[in-house]
Amino acid sequence: MPYHSDTSQAHRTPGETAARAVRVIPAVDLYLGTVTIVARNRTLLFRHPHPQEIAKALARAVRPSTWCEVSRTLTVTVAATGKRDGQPQLFALGGREEA
């Protein structure tokens, strides 16, 4: 049987590869208003003006959350009526701090 290699990676540019989202388990501190994400062996700490919204979305999550470092976007897919795969909620995180 001939060997068929996967060449899908060969056609991607470095920007496309970097922009891919990774699965994460974010930690939300409601008192401090921070979101901590451990991704690619680094701990990232961000401020968010409404951490309660993120916590509520995480409580209703139906899929793993994803993090896109380039756009600093946390995506939480929540249950939604009429949406079998759920409805993604995007949270733009800013104000990065040292963890």
N, C-alpha and C. Protein backbone atom coordinates (compact mmCIF):
# COMPACT_ATOMS: atom_id res chain seq x y z
N MET A 1 0.83 -1.17 0.00
CA MET A 1 0.00 0.00 0.00
C MET A 1 0.88 1.24 0.00
N PRO A 2 0.65 2.19 -0.90
CA PRO A 2 1.50 3.38 -0.98
C PRO A 2 1.28 4.30 0.22
N TYR A 3 2.30 5.04 0.56
CA TYR A 3 2.26 5.97 1.68
C TYR A 3 1.71 7.31 1.19
N HIS A 4 0.70 7.82 1.85
CA HIS A 4 0.12 9.12 1.51
C HIS A 4 0.34 10.04 2.70
N SER A 5 1.18 11.03 2.52
CA SER A 5 1.45 11.96 3.61
C SER A 5 0.44 13.10 3.59
N ASP A 6 0.29 13.72 4.74
CA ASP A 6 -0.61 14.87 4.86
C ASP A 6 0.16 16.12 4.48
N THR A 7 -0.22 16.74 3.38
CA THR A 7 0.47 17.95 2.93
C THR A 7 -0.31 19.21 3.26
N SER A 8 -1.37 19.12 4.05
CA SER A 8 -2.17 20.29 4.36
C SER A 8 -1.37 21.34 5.12
N GLN A 9 -0.41 20.94 5.93
CA GLN A 9 0.42 21.88 6.67
C GLN A 9 1.38 22.63 5.76
N ALA A 10 1.76 22.02 4.65
CA ALA A 10 2.76 22.63 3.77
C ALA A 10 2.25 23.89 3.09
N HIS A 11 0.96 24.04 2.94
CA HIS A 11 0.41 25.19 2.23
C HIS A 11 0.01 26.33 3.15
N ARG A 12 0.23 26.20 4.43
CA ARG A 12 -0.14 27.25 5.37
C ARG A 12 1.00 28.23 5.53
N THR A 13 0.63 29.50 5.68
CA THR A 13 1.63 30.53 5.94
C THR A 13 1.83 30.61 7.45
N PRO A 14 2.95 31.21 7.90
CA PRO A 14 3.16 31.33 9.34
C PRO A 14 2.04 32.09 10.04
N GLY A 15 1.45 33.10 9.38
CA GLY A 15 0.36 33.85 9.99
C GLY A 15 -0.86 33.01 10.21
N GLU A 16 -1.17 32.12 9.28
CA GLU A 16 -2.33 31.25 9.43
C GLU A 16 -2.12 30.27 10.57
N THR A 17 -0.91 29.76 10.69
CA THR A 17 -0.61 28.80 11.76
C THR A 17 -0.69 29.49 13.12
N ALA A 18 -0.17 30.71 13.22
CA ALA A 18 -0.18 31.43 14.49
C ALA A 18 -1.59 31.86 14.89
N ALA A 19 -2.44 32.09 13.91
CA ALA A 19 -3.79 32.57 14.19
C ALA A 19 -4.73 31.45 14.62
N ARG A 20 -4.29 30.23 14.57
CA ARG A 20 -5.16 29.11 14.96
C ARG A 20 -5.42 29.15 16.45
N ALA A 21 -6.61 28.78 16.80
CA ALA A 21 -7.02 28.78 18.20
C ALA A 21 -6.64 27.46 18.86
N VAL A 22 -6.31 27.55 20.14
CA VAL A 22 -5.99 26.36 20.93
C VAL A 22 -7.02 26.19 22.03
N ARG A 23 -7.28 24.95 22.42
CA ARG A 23 -8.22 24.68 23.50
C ARG A 23 -7.60 25.04 24.84
N VAL A 24 -8.38 25.69 25.67
CA VAL A 24 -7.90 26.13 26.97
C VAL A 24 -9.00 25.96 28.02
N ILE A 25 -8.60 26.00 29.27
CA ILE A 25 -9.54 26.07 30.39
C ILE A 25 -9.22 27.38 31.11
N PRO A 26 -9.99 28.43 30.86
CA PRO A 26 -9.70 29.72 31.49
C PRO A 26 -10.14 29.75 32.95
N ALA A 27 -9.40 30.50 33.74
CA ALA A 27 -9.76 30.71 35.14
C ALA A 27 -10.17 32.17 35.28
N VAL A 28 -11.36 32.41 35.83
CA VAL A 28 -11.89 33.75 35.96
C VAL A 28 -11.92 34.14 37.44
N ASP A 29 -11.30 35.26 37.76
CA ASP A 29 -11.32 35.79 39.13
C ASP A 29 -12.33 36.94 39.14
N LEU A 30 -13.50 36.71 39.71
CA LEU A 30 -14.55 37.72 39.72
C LEU A 30 -14.21 38.91 40.60
N TYR A 31 -13.44 38.69 41.63
CA TYR A 31 -13.08 39.77 42.55
C TYR A 31 -12.09 40.74 41.89
N LEU A 32 -11.06 40.21 41.25
CA LEU A 32 -10.05 41.05 40.61
C LEU A 32 -10.41 41.45 39.18
N GLY A 33 -11.35 40.73 38.57
CA GLY A 33 -11.73 41.02 37.19
C GLY A 33 -10.69 40.55 36.19
N THR A 34 -10.04 39.43 36.51
CA THR A 34 -9.00 38.91 35.63
C THR A 34 -9.37 37.55 35.06
N VAL A 35 -8.76 37.25 33.92
CA VAL A 35 -8.92 35.95 33.28
C VAL A 35 -7.51 35.40 33.08
N THR A 36 -7.27 34.20 33.59
CA THR A 36 -5.98 33.55 33.45
C THR A 36 -6.11 32.40 32.46
N ILE A 37 -5.18 32.36 31.50
CA ILE A 37 -5.18 31.32 30.48
C ILE A 37 -3.79 30.70 30.42
N VAL A 38 -3.74 29.38 30.49
CA VAL A 38 -2.48 28.67 30.31
C VAL A 38 -2.50 28.09 28.91
N ALA A 39 -1.63 28.60 28.05
CA ALA A 39 -1.57 28.15 26.66
C ALA A 39 -0.13 28.10 26.21
N ARG A 40 0.22 27.03 25.54
CA ARG A 40 1.57 26.86 24.98
C ARG A 40 2.65 27.06 26.05
N ASN A 41 2.42 26.44 27.20
CA ASN A 41 3.37 26.45 28.32
C ASN A 41 3.64 27.84 28.87
N ARG A 42 2.69 28.76 28.68
CA ARG A 42 2.81 30.10 29.25
C ARG A 42 1.52 30.42 29.98
N THR A 43 1.65 31.18 31.05
CA THR A 43 0.48 31.64 31.79
C THR A 43 0.23 33.09 31.42
N LEU A 44 -0.96 33.36 30.87
CA LEU A 44 -1.32 34.70 30.44
C LEU A 44 -2.41 35.23 31.35
N LEU A 45 -2.30 36.48 31.75
CA LEU A 45 -3.25 37.10 32.66
C LEU A 45 -3.80 38.35 31.99
N PHE A 46 -5.13 38.45 31.90
CA PHE A 46 -5.77 39.58 31.24
C PHE A 46 -6.84 40.17 32.14
N ARG A 47 -7.13 41.43 31.94
CA ARG A 47 -8.24 42.09 32.61
C ARG A 47 -9.44 42.08 31.67
N HIS A 48 -10.63 42.00 32.25
CA HIS A 48 -11.85 42.09 31.47
C HIS A 48 -12.85 42.91 32.27
N PRO A 49 -13.55 43.87 31.62
CA PRO A 49 -14.47 44.73 32.38
C PRO A 49 -15.68 43.99 32.95
N HIS A 50 -16.05 42.85 32.36
CA HIS A 50 -17.22 42.11 32.83
C HIS A 50 -16.89 40.62 32.98
N PRO A 51 -16.10 40.27 33.99
CA PRO A 51 -15.73 38.87 34.16
C PRO A 51 -16.92 37.97 34.47
N GLN A 52 -18.02 38.56 35.00
CA GLN A 52 -19.21 37.77 35.29
C GLN A 52 -19.79 37.16 34.03
N GLU A 53 -19.73 37.89 32.91
CA GLU A 53 -20.24 37.37 31.64
C GLU A 53 -19.47 36.14 31.18
N ILE A 54 -18.16 36.18 31.37
CA ILE A 54 -17.33 35.03 30.99
C ILE A 54 -17.66 33.85 31.89
N ALA A 55 -17.80 34.10 33.19
CA ALA A 55 -18.12 33.02 34.13
C ALA A 55 -19.47 32.39 33.81
N LYS A 56 -20.46 33.21 33.46
CA LYS A 56 -21.78 32.68 33.10
C LYS A 56 -21.69 31.83 31.83
N ALA A 57 -20.92 32.31 30.86
CA ALA A 57 -20.77 31.55 29.60
C ALA A 57 -20.06 30.23 29.87
N LEU A 58 -19.04 30.23 30.71
CA LEU A 58 -18.33 29.00 31.03
C LEU A 58 -19.24 28.00 31.74
N ALA A 59 -20.17 28.50 32.53
CA ALA A 59 -21.11 27.61 33.23
C ALA A 59 -22.08 26.95 32.25
N ARG A 60 -22.32 27.59 31.10
CA ARG A 60 -23.23 27.04 30.09
C ARG A 60 -22.50 26.42 28.90
N ALA A 61 -21.20 26.28 28.98
CA ALA A 61 -20.40 25.80 27.85
C ALA A 61 -20.76 24.37 27.47
N VAL A 62 -20.81 24.13 26.15
CA VAL A 62 -21.10 22.78 25.65
C VAL A 62 -19.93 22.21 24.87
N ARG A 63 -18.89 23.00 24.68
CA ARG A 63 -17.68 22.58 23.99
C ARG A 63 -16.48 23.20 24.71
N PRO A 64 -15.28 22.67 24.47
CA PRO A 64 -14.10 23.28 25.08
C PRO A 64 -13.91 24.72 24.60
N SER A 65 -13.45 25.57 25.48
CA SER A 65 -13.16 26.95 25.12
C SER A 65 -11.89 27.00 24.30
N THR A 66 -11.80 28.01 23.42
CA THR A 66 -10.60 28.17 22.60
C THR A 66 -10.04 29.58 22.78
N TRP A 67 -8.75 29.69 22.57
CA TRP A 67 -8.02 30.95 22.73
C TRP A 67 -7.23 31.23 21.46
N CYS A 68 -7.39 32.43 20.91
CA CYS A 68 -6.60 32.87 19.76
C CYS A 68 -5.70 33.98 20.25
N GLU A 69 -4.41 33.72 20.28
CA GLU A 69 -3.45 34.67 20.85
C GLU A 69 -3.30 35.91 19.98
N VAL A 70 -3.39 35.77 18.67
CA VAL A 70 -3.20 36.90 17.77
C VAL A 70 -4.28 37.96 17.98
N SER A 71 -5.53 37.52 18.08
CA SER A 71 -6.63 38.48 18.25
C SER A 71 -7.02 38.67 19.71
N ARG A 72 -6.37 37.93 20.61
CA ARG A 72 -6.67 37.96 22.05
C ARG A 72 -8.15 37.71 22.30
N THR A 73 -8.67 36.67 21.65
CA THR A 73 -10.08 36.35 21.74
C THR A 73 -10.30 35.00 22.39
N LEU A 74 -11.13 34.99 23.42
CA LEU A 74 -11.55 33.76 24.08
C LEU A 74 -12.92 33.42 23.52
N THR A 75 -13.09 32.20 23.01
CA THR A 75 -14.36 31.77 22.46
C THR A 75 -14.94 30.68 23.34
N VAL A 76 -16.15 30.92 23.83
CA VAL A 76 -16.86 29.96 24.66
C VAL A 76 -18.14 29.59 23.92
N THR A 77 -18.31 28.32 23.59
CA THR A 77 -19.52 27.87 22.89
C THR A 77 -20.54 27.43 23.91
N VAL A 78 -21.70 28.11 23.89
CA VAL A 78 -22.74 27.85 24.88
C VAL A 78 -23.95 27.21 24.23
N ALA A 79 -24.79 26.58 25.04
CA ALA A 79 -26.01 25.97 24.55
C ALA A 79 -26.94 27.06 24.04
N ALA A 80 -27.61 26.76 22.91
CA ALA A 80 -28.56 27.71 22.33
C ALA A 80 -29.69 26.95 21.65
N THR A 81 -30.89 27.44 21.80
CA THR A 81 -32.06 26.82 21.20
C THR A 81 -31.95 26.87 19.68
N GLY A 82 -32.14 25.72 19.04
CA GLY A 82 -32.10 25.64 17.59
C GLY A 82 -30.69 25.55 17.02
N LYS A 83 -29.68 25.55 17.85
CA LYS A 83 -28.29 25.45 17.40
C LYS A 83 -27.70 24.18 17.96
N ARG A 84 -27.63 23.15 17.13
CA ARG A 84 -27.16 21.85 17.60
C ARG A 84 -25.72 21.91 18.11
N ASP A 85 -24.88 22.69 17.45
CA ASP A 85 -23.48 22.79 17.85
C ASP A 85 -23.23 23.90 18.86
N GLY A 86 -24.28 24.58 19.28
CA GLY A 86 -24.12 25.66 20.24
C GLY A 86 -23.85 26.98 19.55
N GLN A 87 -23.84 28.04 20.34
CA GLN A 87 -23.61 29.39 19.84
C GLN A 87 -22.30 29.92 20.43
N PRO A 88 -21.31 30.25 19.59
CA PRO A 88 -20.06 30.79 20.13
C PRO A 88 -20.24 32.21 20.67
N GLN A 89 -19.67 32.46 21.83
CA GLN A 89 -19.61 33.79 22.40
C GLN A 89 -18.14 34.20 22.43
N LEU A 90 -17.84 35.35 21.88
CA LEU A 90 -16.47 35.83 21.80
C LEU A 90 -16.23 36.89 22.86
N PHE A 91 -15.08 36.78 23.52
CA PHE A 91 -14.69 37.74 24.53
C PHE A 91 -13.29 38.26 24.18
N ALA A 92 -13.23 39.55 23.86
CA ALA A 92 -11.93 40.17 23.55
C ALA A 92 -11.27 40.54 24.88
N LEU A 93 -10.10 40.00 25.11
CA LEU A 93 -9.38 40.26 26.35
C LEU A 93 -8.27 41.26 26.08
N GLY A 94 -8.13 42.20 26.96
CA GLY A 94 -7.08 43.20 26.81
C GLY A 94 -6.42 43.47 28.13
N GLY A 95 -5.46 44.37 28.12
CA GLY A 95 -4.79 44.72 29.36
C GLY A 95 -3.99 43.58 29.94
N ARG A 96 -3.13 42.99 29.12
CA ARG A 96 -2.33 41.86 29.58
C ARG A 96 -1.41 42.28 30.73
N GLU A 97 -1.34 41.40 31.71
CA GLU A 97 -0.48 41.63 32.88
C GLU A 97 0.47 40.46 33.05
N GLU A 98 1.47 40.67 33.86
CA GLU A 98 2.39 39.58 34.17
C GLU A 98 1.74 38.63 35.15
N ALA A 99 1.86 37.33 34.88
CA ALA A 99 1.26 36.34 35.77
C ALA A 99 2.26 35.83 36.78
